[in-house]
Each structure stands twice: as C-alpha cells, then as structure tokens.
Amino acid sequence: MRLNLNKMQDDDDPIVQIASGWFHNAIRTIQGSVYLWGRNDMGQLGTAKGQKIHKLDIPECTPSEVLCGSEFSLIWNTKRELWAAGWNEHGNLGQALENDGKDHVSESDWFEFRRILQEDLGPSRLACGGAHWILFPV
C-alpha cells in the first residue's frame, strides 16, 4: 500500500517517529497522534480487520513512542504504560502461553489496544523485534 505522508503532514503537528512491522507501519506526531496502516489480519493496527489506515484514539493514552513487531504493535505512553495490539503468537502481547502454545485469553489476536503494563519503572527504554520486545530502565 502506498501512502502519501505529505498529505498527513501538519506544520503544527509534524511526524517525529516512524515504525515498521512485517506488513504494517505506524507514525507518531509531535503532539502524540498515532496513525497505523497496512495489513491488519492479526489486529496489528489496533482496530477491526480490514481497515487500511487507522488513527489511534485511546483517550487515556498519550503516546510517546510507537513500535511494530512482525504482526503486533506497541504504544509506550507518557504515563509509562505499555499498550499492545495484534498477534500473541509468542506471548508478545504480555499474555502468558499454555504449554501447548495456546493463549490464555480466548482470542489469539487483539483488535484493540490493551494496557499490558502499568508499573512505574522510572525512565525506561523500549525496543521491539519480530516476535519479542524488551523494556529496560535507564
């Protein structure tokens, strides 16, 4: 999918971050707006299946960082909370897996962002790989 970021660019709210997953992408603006687009079959855009571009709208979450794994997305917010959406194949949404690899939650993919961590760990850095993420204090 080709997206013209110039049409989304706003002089009062410029793009400050871009992230890429396997077949999806996200941008964050200086004021904390997040747009996600691309493939969404596992809920990695944080919305219902099939939506091509999505502006994140979580009233209690002001994003300070956005990351993309292979088929999941993470939002780190100004309250130092971690939010996730997408496929929990390897427990990458913060949900433990049973021994047989099945999720504890009834569905294996989340089509909305859910808060998965809200402990205040102090200043921290977040990094994301294809099927994992790490949060460490600095």
Protein backbone atom coordinates (compact mmCIF):
# COMPACT_ATOMS: atom_id res chain seq x y z
CA MET A 1 0.00 0.00 0.00
CA ARG A 2 1.33 3.40 -0.93
CA LEU A 3 0.60 6.25 1.45
CA ASN A 4 1.38 9.91 0.87
CA LEU A 5 2.75 11.12 4.21
CA ASN A 6 2.85 14.68 2.89
CA LYS A 7 -0.96 14.72 2.97
CA MET A 8 -0.84 13.71 6.64
CA GLN A 9 1.92 16.19 7.49
CA ASP A 10 0.72 19.16 9.51
CA ASP A 11 3.02 22.11 10.18
CA ASP A 12 1.66 22.32 13.74
CA ASP A 13 1.97 18.57 14.35
CA PRO A 14 4.95 17.16 12.38
CA ILE A 15 5.83 13.47 12.17
CA VAL A 16 8.59 12.61 14.66
CA GLN A 17 8.68 8.81 14.53
CA ILE A 18 8.01 6.02 12.05
CA ALA A 19 7.95 2.27 12.77
CA SER A 20 7.59 -0.75 10.52
CA GLY A 21 6.37 -4.28 11.14
CA TRP A 22 6.16 -7.17 8.73
CA PHE A 23 3.36 -5.70 6.59
CA HIS A 24 2.22 -2.73 8.68
CA ASN A 25 3.56 0.67 9.65
CA ALA A 26 2.96 3.42 12.17
CA ILE A 27 3.85 7.07 12.59
CA ARG A 28 3.73 9.31 15.67
CA THR A 29 3.46 13.08 15.56
CA ILE A 30 4.99 15.57 17.96
CA GLN A 31 1.61 16.04 19.67
CA GLY A 32 1.20 12.27 20.17
CA SER A 33 -1.15 11.34 17.33
CA VAL A 34 -0.51 7.82 16.01
CA TYR A 35 -1.52 6.54 12.58
CA LEU A 36 -1.24 2.85 11.67
CA TRP A 37 -1.72 1.31 8.22
CA GLY A 38 -1.08 -1.80 6.19
CA ARG A 39 -2.03 -5.43 6.73
CA ASN A 40 -4.37 -5.96 9.68
CA ASP A 41 -5.34 -9.64 9.65
CA MET A 42 -3.95 -10.16 13.18
CA GLY A 43 -5.25 -6.89 14.63
CA GLN A 44 -1.85 -5.21 14.46
CA LEU A 45 -3.46 -1.86 13.61
CA GLY A 46 -5.46 -1.97 16.82
CA THR A 47 -8.81 -1.87 15.06
CA ALA A 48 -11.29 -4.13 13.27
CA LYS A 49 -9.99 -6.34 10.45
CA GLY A 50 -9.74 -4.82 7.01
CA GLN A 51 -9.28 -1.17 7.91
CA LYS A 52 -6.40 0.21 5.81
CA ILE A 53 -5.46 3.32 7.81
CA HIS A 54 -6.31 3.99 11.38
CA LYS A 55 -5.79 6.98 13.67
CA LEU A 56 -5.30 5.66 17.18
CA ASP A 57 -7.83 7.01 19.63
CA ILE A 58 -7.32 5.93 23.24
CA PRO A 59 -8.42 8.85 25.45
CA GLU A 60 -6.38 7.73 28.48
CA CYS A 61 -3.21 7.05 26.43
CA THR A 62 -0.96 9.85 25.15
CA PRO A 63 1.69 8.02 23.09
CA SER A 64 5.34 8.94 23.49
CA GLU A 65 6.66 6.05 21.37
CA VAL A 66 5.24 3.56 18.87
CA LEU A 67 6.87 0.27 17.85
CA CYS A 68 5.95 -2.52 15.46
CA GLY A 69 6.79 -6.20 15.70
CA SER A 70 6.13 -8.67 12.92
CA GLU A 71 2.35 -8.77 13.49
CA PHE A 72 1.82 -6.67 16.60
CA SER A 73 2.17 -3.05 17.65
CA LEU A 74 3.20 -1.41 20.93
CA ILE A 75 2.46 2.04 22.33
CA TRP A 76 4.56 3.44 25.20
CA ASN A 77 2.74 6.40 26.68
CA THR A 78 3.58 9.47 28.75
CA LYS A 79 2.41 7.71 31.95
CA ARG A 80 4.99 4.94 31.28
CA GLU A 81 2.29 2.41 30.45
CA LEU A 82 2.67 -0.15 27.68
CA TRP A 83 -0.24 -0.86 25.33
CA ALA A 84 -0.35 -3.68 22.76
CA ALA A 85 -2.46 -4.92 19.84
CA GLY A 86 -2.07 -7.73 17.32
CA TRP A 87 -1.00 -11.35 17.42
CA ASN A 88 0.05 -13.01 20.69
CA GLU A 89 1.73 -15.95 18.95
CA HIS A 90 4.80 -15.97 21.23
CA GLY A 91 3.29 -14.20 24.24
CA ASN A 92 4.49 -10.91 22.78
CA LEU A 93 1.36 -9.08 23.96
CA GLY A 94 2.24 -9.77 27.56
CA GLN A 95 -0.10 -12.75 27.89
CA ALA A 96 1.47 -16.00 29.08
CA LEU A 97 1.11 -19.04 26.86
CA GLU A 98 -0.03 -22.51 27.86
CA ASN A 99 2.41 -25.39 27.32
CA ASP A 100 0.64 -26.22 24.05
CA GLY A 101 1.31 -22.70 22.74
CA LYS A 102 -2.31 -21.55 23.02
CA ASP A 103 -3.12 -18.18 24.54
CA HIS A 104 -4.70 -17.86 27.97
CA VAL A 105 -7.06 -15.30 26.50
CA SER A 106 -9.91 -16.61 24.40
CA GLU A 107 -8.67 -14.99 21.20
CA SER A 108 -5.12 -15.08 19.94
CA ASP A 109 -5.20 -11.67 18.33
CA TRP A 110 -6.39 -8.38 19.75
CA PHE A 111 -8.17 -5.90 17.51
CA GLU A 112 -7.91 -3.06 20.00
CA PHE A 113 -5.03 -1.76 22.07
CA ARG A 114 -4.97 -3.08 25.64
CA ARG A 115 -2.85 -1.87 28.53
CA ILE A 116 -0.40 -4.68 29.38
CA LEU A 117 1.97 -2.89 31.76
CA GLN A 118 1.31 0.00 34.09
CA GLU A 119 4.07 -0.27 36.71
CA ASP A 120 6.17 2.85 37.02
CA LEU A 121 9.66 1.59 36.31
CA GLY A 122 11.09 5.09 36.12
CA PRO A 123 12.78 6.31 32.95
CA SER A 124 12.97 3.35 30.59
CA ARG A 125 13.78 2.42 27.01
CA LEU A 126 11.68 0.11 24.86
CA ALA A 127 12.89 -1.97 21.92
CA CYS A 128 10.97 -4.33 19.68
CA GLY A 129 11.92 -7.29 17.48
CA GLY A 130 9.86 -9.50 15.19
CA ALA A 131 8.29 -11.63 17.93
CA HIS A 132 9.54 -10.01 21.13
CA TRP A 133 10.05 -6.74 22.97
CA ILE A 134 12.19 -5.58 25.86
CA LEU A 135 11.76 -2.75 28.34
CA PHE A 136 14.70 -1.77 30.48
CA PRO A 137 15.35 1.05 32.95
CA VAL A 138 17.95 3.67 32.10
